[in-house]
Amino acid sequence: MKIALVGFGDVGQAFATELLKWNHVSVAAFDTQFLGKGGWLWDHACAMGVQAVDCPSMSACGADVVISAVTADECEEAAMAAADCIMAGQYFFDLNSASPKTKQRAASHIECAGGLYVEGAIMAPVAERGLHVPILSGGAHAMVLATRLNPLGMSITPFSADIGRVSAAALCRNLLVEGLEALLDDCLAIARHAGVEKAVYQSLAEDFPSIDWAGLVHAMRPDSTENHPATTAEMLEAADMMDEFGYDGRLERALAFHRKCGTGGNIAQ
């Protein structure tokens, strides 16, 4: 089986590491950083045993499944590029955290070209579980694709035949996580500055005794104030989702700005 990866960031690298342990699996990958056939990411991919290419069509050539794992703002663009070279009956597994309408447009590009589009949503941090991370899938071909990829170690659960529901689930989950991180970041920074951190913890413990607030802060602190372009793009897609459903997306855009600028306090201190 040949797997083609469009995007060789954290997700692509984690998946490739595990997939290449199977003797009957080969992995090709394209990333915009591969343009020019050089650089540290190109060298890293080649050292792993990945067939690195500088053209999306070359990575997809002969692949059984094309997995798209780019940043959320590149979701539709990646699908459009793949549609130019996808073959009839070839699976396109879209793992990007984009809004429901963005996923629906991406699906249209692939399906009009004869490909089999499957929506995917990663429901936990990839860094902790790698290829085994829980993934919800959607679309008419979700069940068949799961039966092909799960034996390789993936944990795909078909969720809906309708494109867009899976992305909504992922964005709602990630929105809650990002919101909690931002609130903890700012609130505890101010509490520490004012010298009232202990009192805040005590009050929260009384109101919400089932939550280990100190533990929650510790779990979220590694990257809560870092500038992650992928997370910024994802929050903007969450804002688009809110707009699509008739809600106000200003909070989500504020979260995107918060992450982009790395503003707020530093709960790691």
Protein backbone atom coordinates (compact mmCIF):
# COMPACT_ATOMS: atom_id res chain seq x y z
CA MET A 1 0.00 0.00 0.00
CA LYS A 2 1.22 3.49 -0.84
CA ILE A 3 0.27 6.45 1.34
CA ALA A 4 0.80 9.98 0.06
CA LEU A 5 1.09 12.80 2.58
CA VAL A 6 0.26 16.35 1.57
CA GLY A 7 1.93 18.33 4.33
CA PHE A 8 4.89 17.05 6.31
CA GLY A 9 4.52 18.90 9.58
CA ASP A 10 3.92 17.34 13.00
CA VAL A 11 1.05 15.16 11.78
CA GLY A 12 2.74 13.99 8.61
CA GLN A 13 5.98 13.12 10.38
CA ALA A 14 4.24 11.27 13.21
CA PHE A 15 2.14 9.24 10.78
CA ALA A 16 5.07 8.45 8.49
CA THR A 17 7.16 7.17 11.40
CA GLU A 18 4.58 4.53 12.28
CA LEU A 19 3.41 3.68 8.77
CA LEU A 20 6.94 2.90 7.58
CA LYS A 21 7.22 0.15 10.19
CA TRP A 22 5.01 -1.96 7.91
CA ASN A 23 6.92 -3.79 5.19
CA HIS A 24 4.04 -3.51 2.73
CA VAL A 25 3.58 0.24 3.17
CA SER A 26 5.48 3.00 1.36
CA VAL A 27 5.10 6.71 2.06
CA ALA A 28 5.55 9.66 -0.27
CA ALA A 29 5.23 13.23 0.92
CA PHE A 30 4.92 16.74 -0.44
CA ASP A 31 5.38 19.91 1.56
CA THR A 32 5.79 23.49 0.41
CA GLN A 33 9.16 23.46 2.17
CA PHE A 34 10.24 20.74 -0.26
CA LEU A 35 10.18 23.17 -3.18
CA GLY A 36 13.70 23.27 -4.56
CA LYS A 37 14.44 19.73 -3.36
CA GLY A 38 16.49 20.66 -0.35
CA GLY A 39 16.47 21.96 3.20
CA TRP A 40 16.36 20.33 6.59
CA LEU A 41 12.78 19.04 6.26
CA TRP A 42 13.55 17.42 2.89
CA ASP A 43 16.67 15.80 4.35
CA HIS A 44 14.73 14.64 7.42
CA ALA A 45 12.02 13.03 5.27
CA CYS A 46 14.57 11.22 3.12
CA ALA A 47 16.43 10.00 6.20
CA MET A 48 13.16 8.53 7.50
CA GLY A 49 12.67 6.56 4.32
CA VAL A 50 9.96 8.82 2.93
CA GLN A 51 9.88 9.54 -0.80
CA ALA A 52 10.07 13.32 -0.67
CA VAL A 53 8.81 15.14 -3.77
CA ASP A 54 8.46 18.81 -4.67
CA CYS A 55 5.17 18.45 -6.54
CA PRO A 56 1.78 17.31 -5.13
CA SER A 57 1.00 15.27 -8.23
CA MET A 58 4.20 13.26 -7.83
CA SER A 59 3.34 12.30 -4.25
CA ALA A 60 -0.17 11.23 -5.23
CA CYS A 61 0.97 9.21 -8.23
CA GLY A 62 0.12 5.56 -7.61
CA ALA A 63 -1.01 6.17 -4.03
CA ASP A 64 -3.91 4.24 -2.58
CA VAL A 65 -4.68 7.02 -0.11
CA VAL A 66 -3.75 10.70 -0.12
CA ILE A 67 -3.76 12.19 3.39
CA SER A 68 -4.00 15.97 3.56
CA ALA A 69 -2.54 17.43 6.76
CA VAL A 70 -1.74 21.07 6.10
CA THR A 71 -2.71 24.18 8.07
CA ALA A 72 -6.42 24.97 8.19
CA ASP A 73 -6.14 27.97 5.87
CA GLU A 74 -4.57 25.74 3.19
CA CYS A 75 -7.28 23.06 3.32
CA GLU A 76 -9.20 24.00 0.18
CA GLU A 77 -6.06 24.95 -1.72
CA ALA A 78 -4.58 21.51 -1.01
CA ALA A 79 -7.76 19.82 -2.25
CA MET A 80 -7.76 21.92 -5.42
CA ALA A 81 -4.14 21.00 -6.12
CA ALA A 82 -4.88 17.31 -5.51
CA ALA A 83 -7.91 17.44 -7.79
CA ASP A 84 -5.61 18.22 -10.72
CA CYS A 85 -3.88 14.86 -10.36
CA ILE A 86 -6.16 12.58 -8.37
CA MET A 87 -7.19 9.35 -10.07
CA ALA A 88 -10.65 7.83 -10.20
CA GLY A 89 -11.22 5.71 -7.11
CA GLN A 90 -8.30 7.24 -5.21
CA TYR A 91 -9.03 8.17 -1.59
CA PHE A 92 -8.42 11.72 -0.34
CA PHE A 93 -8.44 11.81 3.48
CA ASP A 94 -8.76 15.43 4.59
CA LEU A 95 -7.57 15.81 8.20
CA ASN A 96 -7.47 19.59 8.26
CA SER A 97 -9.36 21.55 10.92
CA ALA A 98 -11.44 23.72 8.62
CA SER A 99 -14.99 24.99 8.76
CA PRO A 100 -17.83 22.78 7.50
CA LYS A 101 -18.32 24.84 4.33
CA THR A 102 -14.59 24.81 3.61
CA LYS A 103 -14.63 21.01 3.90
CA GLN A 104 -17.68 20.81 1.64
CA ARG A 105 -15.92 22.88 -1.02
CA ALA A 106 -12.82 20.71 -0.67
CA ALA A 107 -14.95 17.61 -1.12
CA SER A 108 -16.51 19.06 -4.24
CA HIS A 109 -13.10 19.62 -5.84
CA ILE A 110 -12.03 16.02 -5.21
CA GLU A 111 -15.30 14.38 -6.17
CA CYS A 112 -15.64 16.34 -9.41
CA ALA A 113 -12.23 14.97 -10.36
CA GLY A 114 -13.33 11.38 -9.65
CA GLY A 115 -11.64 10.97 -6.27
CA LEU A 116 -13.19 9.54 -3.10
CA TYR A 117 -13.30 12.27 -0.47
CA VAL A 118 -13.32 11.38 3.23
CA GLU A 119 -13.44 14.07 5.89
CA GLY A 120 -11.34 13.53 8.98
CA ALA A 121 -10.97 15.26 12.33
CA ILE A 122 -8.15 14.62 14.79
CA MET A 123 -9.67 14.59 18.29
CA ALA A 124 -6.57 14.61 20.53
CA PRO A 125 -2.98 15.88 20.45
CA VAL A 126 -0.97 13.97 17.83
CA ALA A 127 2.25 14.45 19.79
CA GLU A 128 0.97 12.14 22.52
CA ARG A 129 -0.46 9.30 20.41
CA GLY A 130 1.03 9.58 16.93
CA LEU A 131 -0.67 7.41 14.33
CA HIS A 132 -3.01 6.00 17.00
CA VAL A 133 -4.64 9.37 17.73
CA PRO A 134 -8.47 9.21 17.69
CA ILE A 135 -9.91 10.41 14.38
CA LEU A 136 -13.54 10.90 13.44
CA SER A 137 -14.32 10.42 9.77
CA GLY A 138 -17.20 11.47 7.56
CA GLY A 139 -18.55 11.03 4.08
CA ALA A 140 -19.96 8.25 1.95
CA HIS A 141 -16.62 6.41 1.84
CA ALA A 142 -15.64 6.81 5.49
CA MET A 143 -16.44 3.25 6.54
CA VAL A 144 -14.46 1.60 3.74
CA LEU A 145 -11.41 3.80 4.31
CA ALA A 146 -11.45 3.03 8.02
CA THR A 147 -11.33 -0.70 7.29
CA ARG A 148 -8.23 -0.11 5.15
CA LEU A 149 -6.30 2.19 7.48
CA ASN A 150 -7.20 0.93 10.95
CA PRO A 151 -5.27 -2.35 10.49
CA LEU A 152 -2.16 -0.19 10.05
CA GLY A 153 -2.61 1.22 13.54
CA MET A 154 -4.88 4.17 12.92
CA SER A 155 -7.90 4.76 15.15
CA ILE A 156 -10.59 6.01 12.77
CA THR A 157 -14.24 6.05 13.81
CA PRO A 158 -16.80 6.73 11.06
CA PHE A 159 -19.08 9.42 12.43
CA SER A 160 -21.37 10.77 9.73
CA ALA A 161 -22.17 10.41 6.06
CA ASP A 162 -22.59 14.18 5.81
CA ILE A 163 -19.51 16.28 5.06
CA GLY A 164 -19.05 19.04 7.64
CA ARG A 165 -20.28 17.40 10.84
CA VAL A 166 -16.88 15.93 11.66
CA SER A 167 -15.13 19.27 11.22
CA ALA A 168 -17.76 20.93 13.42
CA ALA A 169 -17.04 18.42 16.19
CA ALA A 170 -13.30 19.00 15.99
CA LEU A 171 -13.53 22.78 15.87
CA CYS A 172 -15.93 22.89 18.83
CA ARG A 173 -13.55 20.70 20.84
CA ASN A 174 -10.49 22.71 19.93
CA LEU A 175 -12.30 25.99 20.48
CA LEU A 176 -13.05 24.97 24.04
CA VAL A 177 -9.42 23.98 24.63
CA GLU A 178 -8.07 27.22 23.18
CA GLY A 179 -10.60 29.26 25.14
CA LEU A 180 -9.64 27.59 28.41
CA GLU A 181 -5.96 28.11 27.70
CA ALA A 182 -6.47 31.80 26.96
CA LEU A 183 -8.64 32.37 30.05
CA LEU A 184 -6.24 30.54 32.35
CA ASP A 185 -3.32 32.36 30.83
CA ASP A 186 -4.68 35.87 31.35
CA CYS A 187 -6.58 35.28 34.60
CA LEU A 188 -3.74 33.58 36.45
CA ALA A 189 -1.15 36.04 35.19
CA ILE A 190 -3.15 38.88 36.70
CA ALA A 191 -3.88 36.90 39.88
CA ARG A 192 -0.17 36.23 40.31
CA HIS A 193 0.70 39.85 39.64
CA ALA A 194 -1.85 40.98 42.24
CA GLY A 195 -0.72 38.39 44.76
CA VAL A 196 -4.12 36.69 44.96
CA GLU A 197 -3.38 33.44 43.11
CA LYS A 198 -3.92 31.23 46.17
CA ALA A 199 -7.27 32.82 46.92
CA VAL A 200 -8.40 32.33 43.32
CA TYR A 201 -7.46 28.63 43.40
CA GLN A 202 -9.27 28.14 46.70
CA SER A 203 -12.43 29.79 45.42
CA LEU A 204 -12.42 27.77 42.20
CA ALA A 205 -11.91 24.53 44.16
CA GLU A 206 -14.96 25.32 46.28
CA ASP A 207 -17.18 26.06 43.27
CA PHE A 208 -15.83 23.24 41.07
CA PRO A 209 -14.48 20.58 43.46
CA SER A 210 -14.18 17.93 40.73
CA ILE A 211 -11.58 19.97 38.80
CA ASP A 212 -7.91 19.95 39.70
CA TRP A 213 -7.20 23.54 38.70
CA ALA A 214 -3.48 23.43 39.40
CA GLY A 215 -3.21 20.23 37.40
CA LEU A 216 -5.20 21.74 34.54
CA VAL A 217 -2.89 24.74 34.42
CA HIS A 218 0.14 22.45 34.42
CA ALA A 219 -1.30 20.35 31.57
CA MET A 220 -1.99 23.38 29.40
CA ARG A 221 1.05 25.48 30.10
CA PRO A 222 3.64 24.13 27.59
CA ASP A 223 2.42 26.12 24.58
CA SER A 224 -0.40 28.36 25.76
CA THR A 225 1.42 31.59 24.92
CA GLU A 226 3.42 30.49 21.89
CA ASN A 227 2.64 31.72 18.39
CA HIS A 228 1.40 28.68 16.49
CA PRO A 229 0.33 29.64 12.94
CA ALA A 230 -1.61 26.37 12.61
CA THR A 231 -3.68 27.12 15.72
CA THR A 232 -4.25 30.71 14.62
CA ALA A 233 -5.58 29.46 11.28
CA GLU A 234 -7.76 26.91 13.04
CA MET A 235 -9.37 29.55 15.26
CA LEU A 236 -10.12 31.67 12.20
CA GLU A 237 -11.82 28.63 10.67
CA ALA A 238 -13.78 28.27 13.92
CA ALA A 239 -14.87 31.90 13.50
CA ASP A 240 -15.99 31.10 9.96
CA MET A 241 -17.96 28.13 11.31
CA MET A 242 -19.75 30.39 13.78
CA ASP A 243 -20.61 32.79 10.96
CA GLU A 244 -21.83 29.92 8.77
CA PHE A 245 -24.20 28.79 11.51
CA GLY A 246 -25.48 32.32 12.14
CA TYR A 247 -23.53 33.02 15.33
CA ASP A 248 -21.06 35.78 16.20
CA GLY A 249 -17.46 34.73 15.49
CA ARG A 250 -15.73 37.67 17.20
CA LEU A 251 -14.64 35.61 20.20
CA GLU A 252 -12.96 33.05 17.94
CA ARG A 253 -11.18 35.82 16.02
CA ALA A 254 -9.99 37.27 19.32
CA LEU A 255 -8.59 33.86 20.26
CA ALA A 256 -6.80 33.71 16.91
CA PHE A 257 -5.30 37.14 17.58
CA HIS A 258 -4.34 36.08 21.12
CA ARG A 259 -2.43 33.07 19.80
CA LYS A 260 -0.91 34.91 16.84
CA CYS A 261 0.54 37.62 19.02
CA GLY A 262 1.45 35.35 21.93
CA THR A 263 -0.26 37.89 24.17
CA GLY A 264 -1.31 37.42 27.76
CA GLY A 265 0.50 36.14 30.78
CA ASN A 266 2.75 33.13 30.98
CA ILE A 267 1.17 30.41 33.12
CA ALA A 268 4.38 28.42 32.92
CA GLN A 269 5.99 30.80 35.40
